[in-house]
């Protein structure tokens, strides 16, 4: 059994990308602000706001051959969940991310 609803919804979203992005931002910005306020996070560079341009199919591929040629090496060549958690905990320690979301 094949469901066409997902394809239809995706097509509609592409047509009305600005409307969808506005709705998603409205849905997330208010709760984010409340969580930050409740946790005493008064100033943070992090935001759930998304620009519609970020949702278009534009791939970004980076080549690190020039960095390697200059002698640079990555301490963490592969991004994983544990590394992301470590970054979020660091932001929490600097009071730039709500600690209640880290539990």
Protein backbone atom coordinates (compact mmCIF):
# COMPACT_ATOMS: atom_id res chain seq x y z
CA UNK A 1 0.00 0.00 0.00
CA UNK A 2 1.43 3.37 -1.05
CA UNK A 3 0.48 6.63 0.59
CA UNK A 4 0.59 9.79 -1.52
CA UNK A 5 -0.10 12.15 1.39
CA UNK A 6 3.58 12.61 2.24
CA UNK A 7 4.44 13.47 -1.36
CA UNK A 8 1.51 15.87 -1.63
CA UNK A 9 2.38 17.58 1.66
CA UNK A 10 6.02 17.96 0.57
CA UNK A 11 4.95 19.48 -2.75
CA UNK A 12 2.65 21.96 -0.98
CA UNK A 13 5.42 22.91 1.44
CA UNK A 14 7.77 23.64 -1.44
CA UNK A 15 5.17 25.92 -2.99
CA UNK A 16 4.50 27.76 0.26
CA UNK A 17 7.96 27.57 1.82
CA UNK A 18 7.76 31.01 3.40
CA UNK A 19 4.42 30.21 5.04
CA UNK A 20 5.70 26.90 6.38
CA UNK A 21 8.91 28.46 7.73
CA UNK A 22 6.96 31.27 9.40
CA UNK A 23 4.64 28.74 11.05
CA UNK A 24 7.52 26.57 12.27
CA UNK A 25 9.41 29.60 13.62
CA UNK A 26 6.28 30.85 15.41
CA UNK A 27 5.79 27.41 16.93
CA UNK A 28 9.34 27.14 18.30
CA UNK A 29 10.50 30.67 19.16
CA UNK A 30 7.99 31.23 21.98
CA UNK A 31 8.73 28.01 23.90
CA UNK A 32 12.49 28.50 23.36
CA UNK A 33 12.28 31.98 24.88
CA UNK A 34 10.30 30.65 27.87
CA UNK A 35 12.76 27.80 28.50
CA UNK A 36 15.69 30.23 28.30
CA UNK A 37 13.95 32.62 30.69
CA UNK A 38 13.10 29.84 33.16
CA UNK A 39 16.71 28.61 33.13
CA UNK A 40 18.19 32.11 33.44
CA UNK A 41 19.74 32.07 29.96
CA UNK A 42 19.58 35.77 29.12
CA UNK A 43 21.96 35.98 26.17
CA UNK A 44 22.70 33.15 23.75
CA UNK A 45 23.87 32.87 20.15
CA UNK A 46 21.67 29.79 19.77
CA UNK A 47 18.18 30.06 18.34
CA UNK A 48 15.60 27.69 16.86
CA UNK A 49 14.90 30.28 14.15
CA UNK A 50 15.42 28.92 10.65
CA UNK A 51 15.81 30.84 7.42
CA UNK A 52 13.86 29.45 4.48
CA UNK A 53 17.00 29.44 2.33
CA UNK A 54 18.44 26.72 4.56
CA UNK A 55 15.67 24.35 3.50
CA UNK A 56 16.30 24.48 -0.21
CA UNK A 57 18.19 21.64 -1.90
CA UNK A 58 21.62 23.23 -1.94
CA UNK A 59 24.30 20.80 -0.89
CA UNK A 60 27.55 21.94 0.63
CA UNK A 61 30.61 19.75 0.35
CA UNK A 62 33.92 20.78 1.80
CA UNK A 63 37.32 19.40 0.85
CA UNK A 64 39.90 19.38 3.62
CA UNK A 65 42.90 18.57 1.39
CA UNK A 66 44.36 22.08 1.75
CA UNK A 67 44.05 21.89 5.54
CA UNK A 68 45.81 18.53 5.56
CA UNK A 69 48.54 19.89 3.27
CA UNK A 70 49.13 22.70 5.78
CA UNK A 71 49.63 20.14 8.56
CA UNK A 72 46.22 20.57 10.18
CA UNK A 73 44.58 17.45 11.57
CA UNK A 74 41.11 17.01 13.00
CA UNK A 75 40.82 15.96 16.62
CA UNK A 76 37.35 14.59 15.90
CA UNK A 77 37.11 13.64 12.23
CA UNK A 78 33.62 12.17 12.60
CA UNK A 79 30.73 14.03 14.20
CA UNK A 80 28.62 11.90 16.52
CA UNK A 81 25.98 12.22 19.21
CA UNK A 82 28.47 12.24 22.08
CA UNK A 83 30.43 15.13 20.59
CA UNK A 84 27.23 17.13 20.08
CA UNK A 85 26.20 16.46 23.68
CA UNK A 86 29.62 17.64 24.84
CA UNK A 87 29.19 20.91 22.91
CA UNK A 88 25.71 21.44 24.38
CA UNK A 89 27.00 20.78 27.91
CA UNK A 90 29.78 23.31 27.30
CA UNK A 91 27.16 25.85 26.21
CA UNK A 92 25.16 24.99 29.33
CA UNK A 93 28.22 25.56 31.52
CA UNK A 94 28.63 28.99 29.90
CA UNK A 95 24.92 29.71 30.56
CA UNK A 96 24.22 29.93 26.83
CA UNK A 97 21.97 26.84 26.60
CA UNK A 98 19.11 25.86 28.95
CA UNK A 99 20.39 23.18 31.32
CA UNK A 100 16.87 21.78 31.72
CA UNK A 101 17.10 20.52 28.13
CA UNK A 102 20.27 18.56 28.91
CA UNK A 103 18.68 16.25 31.47
